[in-house]
N, C-alpha and C. Protein backbone atom coordinates (compact mmCIF):
# COMPACT_ATOMS: atom_id res chain seq x y z
N MET A 1 -24.80 2.73 15.49
CA MET A 1 -24.00 3.84 16.01
C MET A 1 -23.95 4.92 14.94
N ALA A 2 -24.06 6.16 15.32
CA ALA A 2 -24.03 7.25 14.36
C ALA A 2 -22.60 7.66 14.04
N ILE A 3 -22.41 8.21 12.85
CA ILE A 3 -21.11 8.74 12.46
C ILE A 3 -20.87 10.01 13.26
N VAL A 4 -19.67 10.13 13.85
CA VAL A 4 -19.37 11.29 14.69
C VAL A 4 -18.38 12.22 14.00
N ASN A 5 -18.53 13.50 14.27
CA ASN A 5 -17.55 14.48 13.79
C ASN A 5 -16.51 14.67 14.87
N VAL A 6 -15.23 14.66 14.47
CA VAL A 6 -14.15 14.87 15.42
C VAL A 6 -13.34 16.09 15.01
N SER A 7 -12.59 16.62 15.97
CA SER A 7 -11.77 17.80 15.73
C SER A 7 -10.37 17.55 16.30
N ASP A 8 -9.48 18.51 16.11
CA ASP A 8 -8.15 18.40 16.70
C ASP A 8 -8.27 18.14 18.20
N GLN A 9 -9.27 18.78 18.84
CA GLN A 9 -9.43 18.68 20.29
C GLN A 9 -9.99 17.33 20.74
N THR A 10 -10.87 16.74 19.94
CA THR A 10 -11.55 15.51 20.38
C THR A 10 -11.00 14.24 19.74
N PHE A 11 -10.07 14.38 18.81
CA PHE A 11 -9.58 13.22 18.05
C PHE A 11 -9.07 12.10 18.95
N ALA A 12 -8.13 12.41 19.83
CA ALA A 12 -7.51 11.37 20.67
C ALA A 12 -8.55 10.62 21.49
N GLN A 13 -9.48 11.37 22.07
CA GLN A 13 -10.52 10.77 22.91
C GLN A 13 -11.42 9.84 22.09
N GLU A 14 -11.74 10.22 20.86
CA GLU A 14 -12.65 9.42 20.03
C GLU A 14 -12.01 8.17 19.46
N VAL A 15 -10.68 8.17 19.25
CA VAL A 15 -10.06 7.00 18.61
C VAL A 15 -9.24 6.14 19.57
N GLU A 16 -9.27 6.47 20.88
CA GLU A 16 -8.38 5.76 21.81
C GLU A 16 -8.77 4.32 22.08
N SER A 17 -10.05 3.96 21.88
CA SER A 17 -10.43 2.57 22.17
C SER A 17 -11.30 2.02 21.05
N GLY A 18 -11.17 0.71 20.86
CA GLY A 18 -11.98 0.05 19.85
C GLY A 18 -11.43 0.25 18.45
N THR A 19 -12.24 -0.11 17.46
CA THR A 19 -11.87 0.04 16.05
C THR A 19 -12.61 1.25 15.50
N VAL A 20 -11.85 2.19 14.93
CA VAL A 20 -12.43 3.44 14.44
C VAL A 20 -11.94 3.69 13.02
N LEU A 21 -12.87 3.99 12.12
CA LEU A 21 -12.54 4.42 10.77
C LEU A 21 -12.66 5.94 10.75
N VAL A 22 -11.57 6.63 10.45
CA VAL A 22 -11.60 8.09 10.38
C VAL A 22 -11.55 8.52 8.92
N ASP A 23 -12.54 9.33 8.54
CA ASP A 23 -12.64 9.88 7.19
C ASP A 23 -12.09 11.30 7.25
N PHE A 24 -10.91 11.53 6.65
CA PHE A 24 -10.34 12.88 6.53
C PHE A 24 -10.92 13.45 5.25
N TRP A 25 -11.69 14.55 5.36
CA TRP A 25 -12.47 15.07 4.24
C TRP A 25 -12.52 16.59 4.28
N ALA A 26 -13.14 17.18 3.24
CA ALA A 26 -13.43 18.61 3.20
C ALA A 26 -14.72 18.82 2.41
N PRO A 27 -15.47 19.88 2.75
CA PRO A 27 -16.77 20.09 2.09
C PRO A 27 -16.67 20.33 0.58
N TRP A 28 -15.56 20.84 0.08
CA TRP A 28 -15.41 21.16 -1.34
C TRP A 28 -14.93 19.97 -2.17
N CYS A 29 -14.66 18.83 -1.53
CA CYS A 29 -14.06 17.67 -2.19
C CYS A 29 -15.15 16.76 -2.78
N GLY A 30 -15.15 16.64 -4.12
CA GLY A 30 -16.14 15.80 -4.80
C GLY A 30 -16.12 14.35 -4.38
N PRO A 31 -14.94 13.69 -4.42
CA PRO A 31 -14.90 12.28 -3.99
C PRO A 31 -15.31 12.09 -2.53
N CYS A 32 -15.08 13.11 -1.68
CA CYS A 32 -15.50 13.02 -0.28
C CYS A 32 -17.03 12.95 -0.20
N LYS A 33 -17.70 13.73 -1.06
CA LYS A 33 -19.16 13.70 -1.08
C LYS A 33 -19.66 12.35 -1.59
N MET A 34 -18.91 11.75 -2.53
CA MET A 34 -19.31 10.45 -3.08
C MET A 34 -19.17 9.34 -2.05
N ILE A 35 -18.20 9.45 -1.17
CA ILE A 35 -17.94 8.36 -0.22
C ILE A 35 -18.85 8.46 1.01
N ALA A 36 -19.43 9.63 1.26
CA ALA A 36 -20.28 9.81 2.46
C ALA A 36 -21.42 8.79 2.53
N PRO A 37 -22.21 8.58 1.46
CA PRO A 37 -23.29 7.57 1.56
C PRO A 37 -22.75 6.15 1.74
N VAL A 38 -21.58 5.87 1.19
CA VAL A 38 -20.96 4.55 1.36
C VAL A 38 -20.65 4.33 2.84
N LEU A 39 -20.11 5.36 3.49
CA LEU A 39 -19.80 5.25 4.92
C LEU A 39 -21.06 5.07 5.74
N GLU A 40 -22.15 5.73 5.34
CA GLU A 40 -23.41 5.57 6.06
C GLU A 40 -23.93 4.13 5.93
N GLN A 41 -23.78 3.53 4.75
CA GLN A 41 -24.19 2.13 4.56
C GLN A 41 -23.34 1.21 5.44
N ILE A 42 -22.03 1.45 5.46
CA ILE A 42 -21.13 0.62 6.27
C ILE A 42 -21.51 0.77 7.75
N ASP A 43 -21.80 1.99 8.17
CA ASP A 43 -22.19 2.23 9.56
C ASP A 43 -23.45 1.46 9.91
N SER A 44 -24.42 1.41 8.99
CA SER A 44 -25.67 0.70 9.29
C SER A 44 -25.44 -0.81 9.35
N GLU A 45 -24.41 -1.31 8.65
CA GLU A 45 -24.16 -2.75 8.63
C GLU A 45 -23.25 -3.23 9.75
N VAL A 46 -22.20 -2.47 10.08
CA VAL A 46 -21.22 -2.93 11.08
C VAL A 46 -21.00 -1.90 12.18
N GLY A 47 -21.96 -1.01 12.37
CA GLY A 47 -21.81 0.07 13.33
C GLY A 47 -21.58 -0.37 14.77
N GLU A 48 -22.02 -1.60 15.12
CA GLU A 48 -21.82 -2.06 16.49
C GLU A 48 -20.37 -2.49 16.71
N LYS A 49 -19.63 -2.80 15.63
CA LYS A 49 -18.24 -3.25 15.75
C LYS A 49 -17.24 -2.16 15.38
N LEU A 50 -17.74 -1.08 14.80
CA LEU A 50 -16.87 -0.06 14.21
C LEU A 50 -17.45 1.33 14.45
N LYS A 51 -16.61 2.24 14.94
CA LYS A 51 -17.02 3.64 15.03
C LYS A 51 -16.51 4.34 13.78
N ILE A 52 -17.33 5.18 13.17
CA ILE A 52 -16.89 5.97 12.02
C ILE A 52 -16.86 7.43 12.46
N ALA A 53 -15.72 8.07 12.22
CA ALA A 53 -15.54 9.47 12.58
C ALA A 53 -15.12 10.26 11.35
N LYS A 54 -15.60 11.50 11.25
CA LYS A 54 -15.23 12.37 10.14
C LYS A 54 -14.43 13.55 10.68
N LEU A 55 -13.31 13.88 10.01
CA LEU A 55 -12.49 15.00 10.42
C LEU A 55 -12.32 15.94 9.22
N ASN A 56 -12.85 17.15 9.35
CA ASN A 56 -12.73 18.17 8.30
C ASN A 56 -11.30 18.70 8.32
N VAL A 57 -10.54 18.43 7.24
CA VAL A 57 -9.11 18.81 7.22
C VAL A 57 -8.91 20.32 7.20
N ASP A 58 -9.87 21.06 6.64
CA ASP A 58 -9.74 22.53 6.61
C ASP A 58 -9.84 23.12 8.01
N GLU A 59 -10.71 22.55 8.83
CA GLU A 59 -10.92 23.08 10.18
C GLU A 59 -9.98 22.48 11.22
N ASN A 60 -9.30 21.38 10.87
CA ASN A 60 -8.45 20.65 11.83
C ASN A 60 -7.10 20.30 11.22
N PRO A 61 -6.30 21.31 10.90
CA PRO A 61 -5.02 21.06 10.22
C PRO A 61 -4.00 20.32 11.09
N GLU A 62 -4.11 20.43 12.40
CA GLU A 62 -3.14 19.79 13.29
C GLU A 62 -3.17 18.28 13.15
N THR A 63 -4.37 17.69 13.26
CA THR A 63 -4.50 16.24 13.19
C THR A 63 -4.20 15.73 11.79
N SER A 64 -4.71 16.38 10.76
CA SER A 64 -4.43 15.91 9.40
C SER A 64 -2.94 16.02 9.09
N GLY A 65 -2.26 17.04 9.61
CA GLY A 65 -0.82 17.16 9.42
C GLY A 65 -0.05 16.09 10.16
N ARG A 66 -0.51 15.77 11.37
CA ARG A 66 0.18 14.76 12.18
C ARG A 66 0.17 13.40 11.49
N PHE A 67 -0.90 13.11 10.75
CA PHE A 67 -0.99 11.81 10.07
C PHE A 67 -0.59 11.90 8.60
N GLY A 68 -0.04 13.03 8.18
CA GLY A 68 0.48 13.17 6.82
C GLY A 68 -0.57 13.07 5.73
N VAL A 69 -1.76 13.57 5.99
CA VAL A 69 -2.84 13.51 5.00
C VAL A 69 -2.55 14.53 3.90
N MET A 70 -2.27 14.04 2.69
CA MET A 70 -1.96 14.90 1.55
C MET A 70 -3.10 14.96 0.54
N SER A 71 -3.88 13.89 0.44
CA SER A 71 -5.01 13.83 -0.48
C SER A 71 -6.24 13.43 0.30
N ILE A 72 -7.39 13.91 -0.18
CA ILE A 72 -8.64 13.52 0.48
C ILE A 72 -9.58 12.98 -0.59
N PRO A 73 -10.49 12.09 -0.24
CA PRO A 73 -10.61 11.52 1.10
C PRO A 73 -9.47 10.55 1.42
N THR A 74 -9.01 10.61 2.66
CA THR A 74 -8.12 9.60 3.20
C THR A 74 -8.88 8.93 4.34
N LEU A 75 -8.95 7.62 4.31
CA LEU A 75 -9.63 6.86 5.36
C LEU A 75 -8.58 6.08 6.12
N MET A 76 -8.53 6.25 7.44
CA MET A 76 -7.58 5.53 8.27
C MET A 76 -8.33 4.69 9.28
N VAL A 77 -7.85 3.47 9.46
CA VAL A 77 -8.42 2.56 10.44
C VAL A 77 -7.51 2.59 11.67
N PHE A 78 -8.11 2.86 12.82
CA PHE A 78 -7.38 2.88 14.09
C PHE A 78 -7.89 1.75 14.97
N LYS A 79 -6.98 1.08 15.64
CA LYS A 79 -7.33 0.06 16.63
C LYS A 79 -6.71 0.47 17.94
N ASP A 80 -7.55 0.76 18.92
CA ASP A 80 -7.09 1.20 20.24
C ASP A 80 -6.07 2.32 20.14
N GLY A 81 -6.36 3.30 19.27
CA GLY A 81 -5.53 4.49 19.16
C GLY A 81 -4.37 4.39 18.19
N GLN A 82 -4.09 3.21 17.65
CA GLN A 82 -2.97 3.03 16.71
C GLN A 82 -3.50 2.87 15.29
N MET A 83 -2.91 3.63 14.34
CA MET A 83 -3.33 3.51 12.95
C MET A 83 -2.83 2.17 12.40
N VAL A 84 -3.76 1.37 11.86
CA VAL A 84 -3.41 0.04 11.37
C VAL A 84 -3.64 -0.13 9.87
N ASP A 85 -4.33 0.80 9.25
CA ASP A 85 -4.59 0.70 7.81
C ASP A 85 -4.97 2.06 7.26
N LYS A 86 -4.76 2.23 5.94
CA LYS A 86 -5.07 3.52 5.31
C LYS A 86 -5.51 3.27 3.88
N VAL A 87 -6.55 4.01 3.46
CA VAL A 87 -7.05 3.96 2.09
C VAL A 87 -7.14 5.40 1.61
N ILE A 88 -6.59 5.67 0.43
CA ILE A 88 -6.63 7.04 -0.11
C ILE A 88 -7.51 7.06 -1.35
N GLY A 89 -8.42 8.05 -1.41
CA GLY A 89 -9.30 8.21 -2.56
C GLY A 89 -10.60 7.44 -2.38
N PHE A 90 -11.53 7.70 -3.31
CA PHE A 90 -12.83 7.03 -3.26
C PHE A 90 -12.66 5.54 -3.47
N GLN A 91 -13.36 4.76 -2.69
CA GLN A 91 -13.38 3.30 -2.83
C GLN A 91 -14.83 2.84 -2.83
N PRO A 92 -15.17 1.85 -3.67
CA PRO A 92 -16.52 1.30 -3.58
C PRO A 92 -16.68 0.55 -2.25
N LYS A 93 -17.92 0.38 -1.86
CA LYS A 93 -18.22 -0.23 -0.57
C LYS A 93 -17.55 -1.59 -0.40
N GLU A 94 -17.56 -2.42 -1.43
CA GLU A 94 -16.99 -3.76 -1.33
C GLU A 94 -15.50 -3.70 -0.97
N ALA A 95 -14.77 -2.76 -1.60
CA ALA A 95 -13.34 -2.63 -1.34
C ALA A 95 -13.10 -2.15 0.10
N LEU A 96 -13.91 -1.20 0.54
CA LEU A 96 -13.77 -0.71 1.93
C LEU A 96 -14.09 -1.81 2.92
N MET A 97 -15.14 -2.58 2.66
CA MET A 97 -15.51 -3.67 3.57
C MET A 97 -14.40 -4.72 3.64
N ALA A 98 -13.72 -4.97 2.51
CA ALA A 98 -12.62 -5.93 2.50
C ALA A 98 -11.48 -5.43 3.39
N THR A 99 -11.17 -4.15 3.30
CA THR A 99 -10.12 -3.56 4.15
C THR A 99 -10.54 -3.63 5.61
N LEU A 100 -11.78 -3.23 5.89
CA LEU A 100 -12.26 -3.21 7.28
C LEU A 100 -12.36 -4.61 7.87
N GLY A 101 -12.70 -5.58 7.02
CA GLY A 101 -12.87 -6.95 7.47
C GLY A 101 -11.62 -7.52 8.15
N LYS A 102 -10.45 -7.02 7.75
CA LYS A 102 -9.20 -7.49 8.36
C LYS A 102 -9.06 -7.03 9.80
N HIS A 103 -9.84 -6.02 10.18
CA HIS A 103 -9.67 -5.41 11.51
C HIS A 103 -10.87 -5.57 12.44
N LEU A 104 -11.96 -6.12 11.92
CA LEU A 104 -13.18 -6.25 12.75
C LEU A 104 -13.23 -7.60 13.42
């Protein structure tokens, strides 16, 4: 499954079912750029069980505000539309997989 870009308008529709990891990011954020290839690796390994979505906080302030995103990258795990876990800042793949493993 490919990583999808979401917006304030499409967020609810994209996270309403299944397990979704949402990456709240911005193009100017160094750690966000570092985590992008990690997310691509995770997608290639568990993409059939997990949808990965990216939300640009600069372009979508409504959704990032609703979830209280203060630092980026912030990664939130949603299960059937409900936020069940959150990771703030860059994490190595092993740490992210450990967090995701609790929800897959």
